[in-house]
C-alpha atoms as a PDB file:
ATOM      1  CA  UNK A   1       0.000   0.000   0.000  1.00  0.00           C
ATOM      2  CA  UNK A   2       1.325   3.386  -0.982  1.00  0.00           C
ATOM      3  CA  UNK A   3       0.615   6.721   0.643  1.00  0.00           C
ATOM      4  CA  UNK A   4       0.797   9.497  -1.927  1.00  0.00           C
ATOM      5  CA  UNK A   5       0.718  13.279  -1.881  1.00  0.00           C
ATOM      6  CA  UNK A   6      -2.804  14.461  -2.662  1.00  0.00           C
ATOM      7  CA  UNK A   7      -3.615  15.297  -6.281  1.00  0.00           C
ATOM      8  CA  UNK A   8      -6.933  16.627  -7.482  1.00  0.00           C
ATOM      9  CA  UNK A   9      -7.103  13.872 -10.127  1.00  0.00           C
ATOM     10  CA  UNK A  10      -7.780  11.315  -7.372  1.00  0.00           C
ATOM     11  CA  UNK A  11     -11.450  10.397  -7.006  1.00  0.00           C
ATOM     12  CA  UNK A  12     -12.965  11.803  -3.832  1.00  0.00           C
ATOM     13  CA  UNK A  13     -16.650  12.328  -4.661  1.00  0.00           C
ATOM     14  CA  UNK A  14     -17.822   9.265  -2.722  1.00  0.00           C
ATOM     15  CA  UNK A  15     -15.555   9.723   0.302  1.00  0.00           C
ATOM     16  CA  UNK A  16     -17.558   9.417   3.528  1.00  0.00           C
ATOM     17  CA  UNK A  17     -15.898   9.081   6.909  1.00  0.00           C
ATOM     18  CA  UNK A  18     -19.088   9.849   8.789  1.00  0.00           C
ATOM     19  CA  UNK A  19     -17.985  13.389   9.711  1.00  0.00           C
ATOM     20  CA  UNK A  20     -19.439  16.108   7.521  1.00  0.00           C
ATOM     21  CA  UNK A  21     -16.584  18.562   8.139  1.00  0.00           C
ATOM     22  CA  UNK A  22     -13.920  16.029   7.106  1.00  0.00           C
ATOM     23  CA  UNK A  23     -15.929  14.939   4.050  1.00  0.00           C
ATOM     24  CA  UNK A  24     -16.404  18.551   2.969  1.00  0.00           C
ATOM     25  CA  UNK A  25     -12.733  19.308   3.489  1.00  0.00           C
ATOM     26  CA  UNK A  26     -11.482  16.651   1.069  1.00  0.00           C
ATOM     27  CA  UNK A  27     -14.237  17.531  -1.416  1.00  0.00           C
ATOM     28  CA  UNK A  28     -14.043  21.320  -1.379  1.00  0.00           C
ATOM     29  CA  UNK A  29     -11.107  22.813   0.497  1.00  0.00           C
ATOM     30  CA  UNK A  30      -7.984  20.687   0.343  1.00  0.00           C
ATOM     31  CA  UNK A  31      -6.863  21.856  -3.106  1.00  0.00           C
ATOM     32  CA  UNK A  32      -7.134  25.520  -2.068  1.00  0.00           C
ATOM     33  CA  UNK A  33      -5.244  24.950   1.170  1.00  0.00           C
ATOM     34  CA  UNK A  34      -2.429  23.123  -0.594  1.00  0.00           C
ATOM     35  CA  UNK A  35      -2.118  25.850  -3.240  1.00  0.00           C
ATOM     36  CA  UNK A  36      -2.054  28.491  -0.490  1.00  0.00           C
ATOM     37  CA  UNK A  37       0.697  26.614   1.352  1.00  0.00           C
ATOM     38  CA  UNK A  38      -1.486  26.143   4.427  1.00  0.00           C
ATOM     39  CA  UNK A  39      -0.914  22.384   4.575  1.00  0.00           C
ATOM     40  CA  UNK A  40       0.153  19.249   2.792  1.00  0.00           C
ATOM     41  CA  UNK A  41      -2.167  16.289   2.335  1.00  0.00           C
ATOM     42  CA  UNK A  42      -1.400  12.608   1.885  1.00  0.00           C
ATOM     43  CA  UNK A  43      -3.856   9.929   0.780  1.00  0.00           C
ATOM     44  CA  UNK A  44      -4.412   6.188   0.536  1.00  0.00           C
ATOM     45  CA  UNK A  45      -6.128   5.057  -2.652  1.00  0.00           C
ATOM     46  CA  UNK A  46      -8.024   1.907  -3.577  1.00  0.00           C
ATOM     47  CA  UNK A  47      -7.533   0.097  -6.904  1.00  0.00           C
ATOM     48  CA  UNK A  48      -9.841   2.590  -8.678  1.00  0.00           C
ATOM     49  CA  UNK A  49      -7.830   5.649  -7.509  1.00  0.00           C
ATOM     50  CA  UNK A  50     -10.549   6.552  -5.007  1.00  0.00           C
ATOM     51  CA  UNK A  51      -9.378   8.180  -1.792  1.00  0.00           C
ATOM     52  CA  UNK A  52     -10.119   5.874   1.132  1.00  0.00           C
ATOM     53  CA  UNK A  53      -8.172   7.856   3.732  1.00  0.00           C
ATOM     54  CA  UNK A  54      -6.189  11.054   4.153  1.00  0.00           C
ATOM     55  CA  UNK A  55      -4.308  13.256   6.582  1.00  0.00           C
ATOM     56  CA  UNK A  56      -3.005  16.810   6.550  1.00  0.00           C
ATOM     57  CA  UNK A  57       0.144  18.315   8.029  1.00  0.00           C
ATOM     58  CA  UNK A  58       0.877  21.982   8.608  1.00  0.00           C
ATOM     59  CA  UNK A  59       3.332  24.090  10.541  1.00  0.00           C
ATOM     60  CA  UNK A  60       2.460  25.656  13.853  1.00  0.00           C
ATOM     61  CA  UNK A  61       4.242  27.057  16.866  1.00  0.00           C
ATOM     62  CA  UNK A  62       3.718  26.719  20.592  1.00  0.00           C
ATOM     63  CA  UNK A  63       4.878  28.837  23.481  1.00  0.00           C
ATOM     64  CA  UNK A  64       8.146  27.672  24.957  1.00  0.00           C
ATOM     65  CA  UNK A  65       6.460  27.569  28.378  1.00  0.00           C
ATOM     66  CA  UNK A  66       3.933  25.012  27.043  1.00  0.00           C
ATOM     67  CA  UNK A  67       6.657  22.555  26.012  1.00  0.00           C
ATOM     68  CA  UNK A  68       8.133  19.839  28.255  1.00  0.00           C
ATOM     69  CA  UNK A  69      10.944  21.134  30.478  1.00  0.00           C
ATOM     70  CA  UNK A  70      13.695  19.237  28.639  1.00  0.00           C
ATOM     71  CA  UNK A  71      12.838  21.187  25.460  1.00  0.00           C
ATOM     72  CA  UNK A  72      12.460  24.504  27.254  1.00  0.00           C
ATOM     73  CA  UNK A  73      16.091  24.310  28.362  1.00  0.00           C
ATOM     74  CA  UNK A  74      17.331  23.731  24.797  1.00  0.00           C
ATOM     75  CA  UNK A  75      15.289  26.449  23.062  1.00  0.00           C
ATOM     76  CA  UNK A  76      16.294  30.093  23.315  1.00  0.00           C
ATOM     77  CA  UNK A  77      13.227  31.478  21.544  1.00  0.00           C
ATOM     78  CA  UNK A  78       9.789  32.278  22.936  1.00  0.00           C
ATOM     79  CA  UNK A  79       8.031  30.027  20.402  1.00  0.00           C
ATOM     80  CA  UNK A  80       8.863  26.476  19.323  1.00  0.00           C
ATOM     81  CA  UNK A  81       8.024  25.345  15.775  1.00  0.00           C
ATOM     82  CA  UNK A  82       5.941  22.157  15.569  1.00  0.00           C
ATOM     83  CA  UNK A  83       4.172  20.093  12.933  1.00  0.00           C
ATOM     84  CA  UNK A  84       0.416  19.818  13.320  1.00  0.00           C
ATOM     85  CA  UNK A  85      -1.553  16.763  12.255  1.00  0.00           C
ATOM     86  CA  UNK A  86      -4.653  18.726  11.337  1.00  0.00           C
ATOM     87  CA  UNK A  87      -6.995  16.108   9.904  1.00  0.00           C
ATOM     88  CA  UNK A  88      -7.044  12.341   9.658  1.00  0.00           C
ATOM     89  CA  UNK A  89     -10.015  10.522   8.110  1.00  0.00           C
ATOM     90  CA  UNK A  90     -10.840   7.048   6.814  1.00  0.00           C
ATOM     91  CA  UNK A  91     -13.814   6.218   4.607  1.00  0.00           C
ATOM     92  CA  UNK A  92     -16.299   4.372   6.833  1.00  0.00           C
ATOM     93  CA  UNK A  93     -16.462   1.503   4.333  1.00  0.00           C
ATOM     94  CA  UNK A  94     -12.799   0.873   5.190  1.00  0.00           C
ATOM     95  CA  UNK A  95     -13.083   1.034   9.000  1.00  0.00           C
ATOM     96  CA  UNK A  96     -11.332  -1.739  10.903  1.00  0.00           C
ATOM     97  CA  UNK A  97      -8.712  -2.469   8.245  1.00  0.00           C
ATOM     98  CA  UNK A  98      -5.852  -0.618   9.927  1.00  0.00           C
ATOM     99  CA  UNK A  99      -5.664   2.310   7.515  1.00  0.00           C
ATOM    100  CA  UNK A 100      -5.913   4.864  10.325  1.00  0.00           C
ATOM    101  CA  UNK A 101      -2.864   3.380  12.048  1.00  0.00           C
ATOM    102  CA  UNK A 102      -0.967   3.292   8.769  1.00  0.00           C
ATOM    103  CA  UNK A 103      -1.714   6.975   8.106  1.00  0.00           C
ATOM    104  CA  UNK A 104      -0.820   7.996  11.654  1.00  0.00           C
ATOM    105  CA  UNK A 105       2.538   6.195  11.537  1.00  0.00           C
ATOM    106  CA  UNK A 106       3.243   7.683   8.103  1.00  0.00           C
ATOM    107  CA  UNK A 107       2.494  11.201   9.382  1.00  0.00           C
ATOM    108  CA  UNK A 108       4.876  10.680  12.295  1.00  0.00           C
ATOM    109  CA  UNK A 109       7.628   9.396   9.996  1.00  0.00           C
ATOM    110  CA  UNK A 110       7.245  12.369   7.666  1.00  0.00           C
ATOM    111  CA  UNK A 111       7.327  14.757  10.621  1.00  0.00           C
ATOM    112  CA  UNK A 112      10.468  13.108  11.967  1.00  0.00           C
ATOM    113  CA  UNK A 113      12.165  13.394   8.560  1.00  0.00           C
ATOM    114  CA  UNK A 114      11.429  17.129   8.498  1.00  0.00           C
ATOM    115  CA  UNK A 115      12.668  17.561  12.070  1.00  0.00           C
ATOM    116  CA  UNK A 116      15.937  15.750  11.312  1.00  0.00           C
ATOM    117  CA  UNK A 117      16.595  18.087   8.387  1.00  0.00           C
ATOM    118  CA  UNK A 118      16.212  21.245  10.458  1.00  0.00           C
END
């Protein structure tokens, strides 16, 4: 199974995770957010190129005082950059097959790769 960067050519019309806001996001907003640089999106496809799951990552920052003490000692700045897992959704027809775990692990690996390159 391959997790790919989102592309508008992927079929998403029938995506239904059971949450209206997450359904609407993949149908109507994800392309705009990617073009604006607000996030990146990664998807799992079935054999017909239909999106069966997705997640988004974006940059964020937190106050140094909100971080664990071991990080506070290492950071000289008031804010600490972080990566935000903004959305994670699986089509309800695919529930129970482990796709959510696969996407979560993939998002963590991608975040770690970015952090190592800082």
